Amino acid sequence: MTRRQDLSQAHHPAYVVWELTLACDQPCTHCGSRAGEVREGELSTQKALSVVQELAAMGTREVVLIGGEAYLHPGFLEIIAGLKAAGIRPVLTTGGRGIDRSLAFKMAGAGLYQASVSIDGLEPTHDLMRAARGSFQSATAAMGFMREAGIVVSANTNVNRLNMGDLEDLFEHLRAQGIHAWQVQITAPLGRAADRPAMLLQPWDLLNVVPRVIALKKKAWAESRIAVMAGNNLGYFHPEEPVLRSLPEHPEDAWRGCNAGKFVMGIEANGAVKGCPSLQPEYIGGSLKDSSLKQVWDDAPELAFARARTVDDLWGF
């Protein structure tokens, strides 16, 4: 089924990004959520498994487990297995620091389909950004362990002034690890990154970065059938926007608007629900501790803001 067909259906949380815990084993300097310690009131494994059933009832197709580090949640493997049993594709985004061969095979056995490993530059840059010596090597090793276990491996990168020079060589490193896709996004001035303004790209830096990402996208697909995709904050209002923001196998199907609260949903570790995990706390529509998932999705205006937009909603310049 193509993405165009997916988006022709009635609004439902088809793709969910679920933060299982805010606990993390790396003190990354660019972390937008300042991850490290658990959130107050994080959902128990039992409650999380009941949420899995609610997601299945609402037609969810894929859940991306994030953190912090999702594998630090005590029910991590049970939740993967629950998603798989419910007919939902389990996916993971991870820094990979704690993934050894044993955990990789346990994740695969539980039903994990795909994992995207965060690698933010070549070794010196990556370890600097992650504030953890050896992080590059552990993340690279994790990719190998998961690929060995039969998990589809991809990568994601935050681009900023520290690592913008690494892109081409980083792609070659990732290609050697057997990735299927690479998501590239801009480091946003949120969380710890907001404390480091010198790290952030300036507007004129995009004149250098964006053409290079486009060239890498074309090269990656033509030579290796690797899909390079722009993150949700990169690639708009550019002459080659349709190329940058479309799927390589469907170049005619360009980006057609934000799907937050339409086909995308974010769940935080304490049960807070938003239309997209990238949105700020003002967009929390309710808590799974107080309401059912369907109630929040159907009734919360914070999730419905993008469902019925018209030109009347345009304002300013």
Protein backbone atom coordinates (compact mmCIF):
# COMPACT_ATOMS: atom_id res chain seq x y z
CA MET A 1 0.00 0.00 0.00
CA THR A 2 1.44 3.38 -0.96
CA ARG A 3 1.63 6.40 1.28
CA ARG A 4 -0.91 8.15 -0.98
CA GLN A 5 -3.42 5.40 -0.25
CA ASP A 6 -2.59 5.53 3.46
CA LEU A 7 -3.48 9.23 3.65
CA SER A 8 -6.77 8.85 1.80
CA GLN A 9 -8.35 7.03 4.74
CA ALA A 10 -10.21 8.47 7.71
CA HIS A 11 -8.03 10.10 10.36
CA HIS A 12 -6.60 7.58 12.80
CA PRO A 13 -3.24 7.13 14.62
CA ALA A 14 -1.64 4.97 11.94
CA TYR A 15 1.92 5.88 12.96
CA VAL A 16 2.74 6.40 16.63
CA VAL A 17 5.97 7.52 18.27
CA TRP A 18 5.98 6.28 21.85
CA GLU A 19 8.49 7.46 24.43
CA LEU A 20 8.65 4.49 26.83
CA THR A 21 10.96 6.20 29.33
CA LEU A 22 13.01 9.35 29.65
CA ALA A 23 15.81 7.36 31.30
CA CYS A 24 18.94 7.44 29.15
CA ASP A 25 22.50 6.13 29.23
CA GLN A 26 24.03 9.04 27.29
CA PRO A 27 24.10 12.75 28.28
CA CYS A 28 23.81 14.06 24.70
CA THR A 29 24.59 17.75 24.34
CA HIS A 30 21.85 18.26 21.71
CA CYS A 31 19.03 16.32 23.41
CA GLY A 32 15.76 18.19 22.93
CA SER A 33 14.07 16.44 25.85
CA ARG A 34 17.00 16.65 28.29
CA ALA A 35 16.75 12.88 28.75
CA GLY A 36 18.58 11.16 31.58
CA GLU A 37 16.23 10.40 34.45
CA VAL A 38 12.80 8.77 34.29
CA ARG A 39 9.78 11.03 33.97
CA GLU A 40 7.61 11.32 37.04
CA GLY A 41 4.76 8.83 36.80
CA GLU A 42 5.96 6.75 33.85
CA LEU A 43 3.51 4.11 32.67
CA SER A 44 3.92 0.63 34.11
CA THR A 45 4.40 -2.36 31.83
CA GLN A 46 0.84 -3.51 32.56
CA LYS A 47 -0.60 -0.12 31.62
CA ALA A 48 1.58 0.06 28.51
CA LEU A 49 0.30 -3.32 27.35
CA SER A 50 -3.27 -2.10 27.74
CA VAL A 51 -2.35 0.92 25.58
CA VAL A 52 -1.10 -1.52 22.93
CA GLN A 53 -4.58 -3.01 22.74
CA GLU A 54 -6.12 0.45 22.40
CA LEU A 55 -3.72 1.26 19.56
CA ALA A 56 -4.63 -1.96 17.78
CA ALA A 57 -8.34 -1.18 18.10
CA MET A 58 -7.74 2.23 16.47
CA GLY A 59 -5.90 0.79 13.47
CA THR A 60 -2.31 1.66 14.36
CA ARG A 61 0.12 0.07 11.91
CA GLU A 62 3.52 1.05 13.26
CA VAL A 63 4.87 2.16 16.64
CA VAL A 64 8.33 3.69 16.97
CA LEU A 65 9.66 3.19 20.50
CA ILE A 66 11.93 6.00 21.69
CA GLY A 67 13.32 7.45 24.91
CA GLY A 68 15.54 8.42 26.56
CA GLU A 69 16.44 4.88 25.71
CA ALA A 70 13.42 2.64 25.29
CA TYR A 71 15.40 -0.46 26.26
CA LEU A 72 15.81 0.98 29.78
CA HIS A 73 12.06 0.56 30.42
CA PRO A 74 11.57 -2.62 32.50
CA GLY A 75 8.85 -3.87 30.14
CA PHE A 76 10.68 -3.09 26.90
CA LEU A 77 10.74 -6.62 25.45
CA GLU A 78 7.19 -7.39 26.64
CA ILE A 79 5.89 -4.26 24.92
CA ILE A 80 7.63 -5.18 21.66
CA ALA A 81 6.08 -8.65 21.86
CA GLY A 82 2.69 -7.14 22.66
CA LEU A 83 2.84 -4.87 19.63
CA LYS A 84 3.86 -7.72 17.38
CA ALA A 85 1.05 -9.95 18.70
CA ALA A 86 -1.46 -7.15 18.13
CA GLY A 87 -0.49 -6.87 14.46
CA ILE A 88 1.42 -3.60 14.90
CA ARG A 89 4.94 -3.25 13.47
CA PRO A 90 7.41 -2.49 16.32
CA VAL A 91 10.28 -0.13 15.44
CA LEU A 92 13.02 1.36 17.61
CA THR A 93 15.02 4.59 17.56
CA THR A 94 18.13 4.27 19.73
CA GLY A 95 21.58 5.58 20.50
CA GLY A 96 22.62 1.95 20.70
CA ARG A 97 25.07 2.30 23.59
CA GLY A 98 23.61 -0.61 25.57
CA ILE A 99 22.74 -2.94 22.69
CA ASP A 100 25.03 -5.95 22.67
CA ARG A 101 24.55 -9.18 20.71
CA SER A 102 22.42 -10.72 23.46
CA LEU A 103 19.97 -7.82 23.59
CA ALA A 104 19.84 -7.59 19.80
CA PHE A 105 18.72 -11.21 19.53
CA LYS A 106 16.23 -10.77 22.38
CA MET A 107 14.70 -7.78 20.57
CA ALA A 108 14.50 -9.74 17.34
CA GLY A 109 12.93 -12.67 19.18
CA ALA A 110 10.30 -10.37 20.69
CA GLY A 111 9.39 -9.18 17.19
CA LEU A 112 11.29 -5.94 16.61
CA TYR A 113 11.19 -5.25 12.87
CA GLN A 114 13.46 -2.25 12.38
CA ALA A 115 15.83 -0.05 14.37
CA SER A 116 17.17 3.39 13.54
CA VAL A 117 20.49 4.12 15.24
CA SER A 118 21.40 7.73 15.98
CA ILE A 119 24.87 8.48 14.64
CA ASP A 120 25.76 12.15 14.60
CA GLY A 121 29.03 12.37 12.74
CA LEU A 122 32.34 10.57 12.50
CA GLU A 123 33.85 9.26 15.72
CA PRO A 124 35.36 12.48 17.17
CA THR A 125 32.27 14.56 16.43
CA HIS A 126 29.77 11.90 17.48
CA ASP A 127 31.48 11.24 20.81
CA LEU A 128 31.71 15.00 21.45
CA MET A 129 28.00 15.53 20.76
CA ARG A 130 27.00 12.48 22.82
CA ALA A 131 29.37 13.48 25.64
CA ALA A 132 30.26 9.81 25.91
CA ARG A 133 33.64 8.43 24.85
CA GLY A 134 33.20 5.21 22.89
CA SER A 135 29.65 6.06 21.86
CA PHE A 136 30.44 5.96 18.14
CA GLN A 137 31.97 2.51 18.43
CA SER A 138 29.09 1.14 20.52
CA ALA A 139 26.48 2.56 18.15
CA THR A 140 28.27 1.09 15.15
CA ALA A 141 28.58 -2.28 16.89
CA ALA A 142 24.88 -2.20 17.78
CA MET A 143 24.03 -1.86 14.09
CA GLY A 144 26.05 -4.97 13.35
CA PHE A 145 24.48 -6.97 16.17
CA MET A 146 20.96 -6.06 15.11
CA ARG A 147 21.62 -6.77 11.45
CA GLU A 148 23.04 -10.16 12.48
CA ALA A 149 19.83 -10.80 14.45
CA GLY A 150 17.69 -10.09 11.38
CA ILE A 151 16.49 -6.61 12.33
CA VAL A 152 16.29 -4.07 9.49
CA VAL A 153 18.82 -1.34 10.31
CA SER A 154 18.64 2.35 9.43
CA ALA A 155 20.25 5.51 10.81
CA ASN A 156 19.36 9.06 11.77
CA THR A 157 21.51 12.16 12.16
CA ASN A 158 21.08 15.60 13.72
CA VAL A 159 22.96 18.13 11.59
CA ASN A 160 24.55 21.20 13.15
CA ARG A 161 27.73 23.27 12.95
CA LEU A 162 29.77 20.61 14.73
CA ASN A 163 29.09 17.83 12.24
CA MET A 164 27.98 19.47 8.97
CA GLY A 165 31.40 18.77 7.49
CA ASP A 166 31.07 15.03 8.15
CA LEU A 167 28.04 14.27 5.98
CA GLU A 168 29.64 12.64 2.96
CA ASP A 169 32.12 10.53 4.94
CA LEU A 170 29.41 9.66 7.45
CA PHE A 171 27.21 8.37 4.65
CA GLU A 172 29.98 6.07 3.50
CA HIS A 173 30.37 4.74 7.04
CA LEU A 174 26.63 4.14 7.35
CA ARG A 175 26.42 2.51 3.94
CA ALA A 176 29.15 0.08 5.03
CA GLN A 177 26.94 -0.90 7.99
CA GLY A 178 24.19 -2.07 5.63
CA ILE A 179 21.58 0.60 6.39
CA HIS A 180 18.32 0.66 4.45
CA ALA A 181 17.47 4.32 5.17
CA TRP A 182 18.99 7.48 6.65
CA GLN A 183 16.99 10.34 8.16
CA VAL A 184 18.72 13.71 8.24
CA GLN A 185 17.33 16.57 10.30
CA ILE A 186 18.50 19.86 11.76
CA THR A 187 19.41 20.13 15.43
CA ALA A 188 16.59 22.25 16.87
CA PRO A 189 17.09 24.86 19.64
CA LEU A 190 15.29 22.73 22.22
CA GLY A 191 16.43 21.20 25.49
CA ARG A 192 20.20 21.01 25.89
CA ALA A 193 20.75 22.24 22.33
CA ALA A 194 19.09 25.53 23.31
CA ASP A 195 21.91 25.96 25.85
CA ARG A 196 24.46 25.78 23.01
CA PRO A 197 23.51 28.37 20.37
CA ALA A 198 26.95 28.19 18.75
CA MET A 199 26.12 24.59 17.76
CA LEU A 200 23.03 25.52 15.77
CA LEU A 201 22.97 26.06 12.02
CA GLN A 202 22.42 29.60 10.83
CA PRO A 203 20.14 30.30 7.84
CA TRP A 204 23.06 30.78 5.46
CA ASP A 205 24.48 27.39 6.47
CA LEU A 206 21.51 25.78 4.72
CA LEU A 207 22.86 27.07 1.40
CA ASN A 208 25.70 24.64 1.99
CA VAL A 209 23.91 21.78 3.78
CA VAL A 210 20.72 21.35 1.75
CA PRO A 211 22.34 20.86 -1.71
CA ARG A 212 24.73 18.33 -0.17
CA VAL A 213 21.86 16.37 1.40
CA ILE A 214 20.05 16.38 -1.95
CA ALA A 215 23.17 15.12 -3.72
CA LEU A 216 23.58 12.39 -1.11
CA LYS A 217 19.92 11.40 -1.47
CA LYS A 218 20.28 10.96 -5.22
CA LYS A 219 23.60 9.11 -4.87
CA ALA A 220 22.35 6.82 -2.09
CA TRP A 221 19.28 5.68 -4.05
CA ALA A 222 20.99 5.37 -7.43
CA GLU A 223 23.98 3.40 -6.14
CA SER A 224 22.66 1.45 -3.13
CA ARG A 225 18.86 1.83 -2.95
CA ILE A 226 19.27 3.59 0.42
CA ALA A 227 16.44 6.04 1.12
CA VAL A 228 17.73 9.35 2.48
CA MET A 229 14.83 11.25 4.03
CA ALA A 230 14.62 14.79 5.38
CA GLY A 231 13.43 15.12 8.96
CA ASN A 232 10.40 17.22 9.80
CA ASN A 233 12.40 20.47 10.06
CA LEU A 234 14.43 20.33 6.85
CA GLY A 235 13.83 20.89 3.17
CA TYR A 236 10.93 23.29 2.72
CA PHE A 237 10.70 26.23 0.27
CA HIS A 238 13.61 25.00 -1.83
CA PRO A 239 13.63 24.48 -5.61
CA GLU A 240 14.20 20.76 -5.06
CA GLU A 241 11.76 20.37 -2.18
CA PRO A 242 9.79 17.64 -4.06
CA VAL A 243 13.01 15.63 -4.41
CA LEU A 244 14.13 16.15 -0.83
CA ARG A 245 10.79 15.44 0.83
CA SER A 246 9.45 12.59 -1.31
CA LEU A 247 10.10 8.88 -1.02
CA PRO A 248 12.78 7.89 -3.56
CA GLU A 249 10.57 5.16 -5.02
CA HIS A 250 7.63 7.59 -5.33
CA PRO A 251 9.16 10.94 -6.42
CA GLU A 252 5.76 12.18 -7.58
CA ASP A 253 4.33 11.86 -4.06
CA ALA A 254 5.77 14.97 -2.44
CA TRP A 255 5.05 16.23 1.06
CA ARG A 256 1.42 17.35 1.38
CA GLY A 257 1.20 18.86 4.84
CA CYS A 258 1.63 18.06 8.51
CA ASN A 259 0.00 14.81 9.62
CA ALA A 260 0.10 15.56 13.36
CA GLY A 261 -3.20 14.46 14.87
CA LYS A 262 -4.34 13.15 11.48
CA PHE A 263 -2.31 10.00 10.96
CA VAL A 264 0.50 10.59 13.49
CA MET A 265 0.44 10.57 17.28
CA GLY A 266 3.00 10.92 20.06
CA ILE A 267 2.80 9.32 23.51
CA GLU A 268 5.09 10.42 26.32
CA ALA A 269 6.36 8.09 29.03
CA ASN A 270 3.89 9.38 31.60
CA GLY A 271 0.90 8.84 29.29
CA ALA A 272 0.61 12.37 27.87
CA VAL A 273 -0.73 12.34 24.31
CA LYS A 274 0.13 14.79 21.51
CA GLY A 275 -0.55 14.86 17.79
CA CYS A 276 3.20 14.61 17.17
CA PRO A 277 6.15 13.94 19.51
CA SER A 278 7.93 17.05 18.22
CA LEU A 279 5.21 19.38 19.50
CA GLN A 280 5.62 21.35 22.71
CA PRO A 281 3.67 20.69 25.97
CA GLU A 282 0.96 23.16 24.95
CA TYR A 283 -0.22 20.52 22.45
CA ILE A 284 -0.81 17.78 25.03
CA GLY A 285 -4.44 16.74 24.62
CA GLY A 286 -4.80 14.51 27.66
CA SER A 287 -3.35 11.67 29.66
CA LEU A 288 -3.84 7.93 29.26
CA LYS A 289 -3.99 7.77 33.05
CA ASP A 290 -7.26 9.72 33.00
CA SER A 291 -8.80 9.00 29.60
CA SER A 292 -8.90 6.33 26.95
CA LEU A 293 -6.76 6.75 23.87
CA LYS A 294 -9.88 7.07 21.71
CA GLN A 295 -11.29 9.85 23.93
CA VAL A 296 -8.11 11.91 23.65
CA TRP A 297 -7.80 11.32 19.90
CA ASP A 298 -11.45 12.08 19.14
CA ASP A 299 -12.14 14.94 21.56
CA ALA A 300 -8.95 16.89 22.35
CA PRO A 301 -8.68 20.09 20.27
CA GLU A 302 -4.91 20.02 20.84
CA LEU A 303 -4.74 16.96 18.59
CA ALA A 304 -7.32 18.08 16.03
CA PHE A 305 -5.79 21.40 14.98
CA ALA A 306 -4.57 20.11 11.60
CA ARG A 307 -7.63 18.08 10.59
CA ALA A 308 -9.86 20.75 9.10
CA ARG A 309 -7.59 23.58 8.00
CA THR A 310 -8.64 25.98 5.24
CA VAL A 311 -7.12 29.12 3.77
CA ASP A 312 -8.97 31.03 6.49
CA ASP A 313 -6.39 29.69 8.92
CA LEU A 314 -3.56 31.52 7.13
CA TRP A 315 -2.33 34.72 8.77
CA GLY A 316 0.62 37.09 8.83
CA PHE A 317 3.13 37.14 6.00
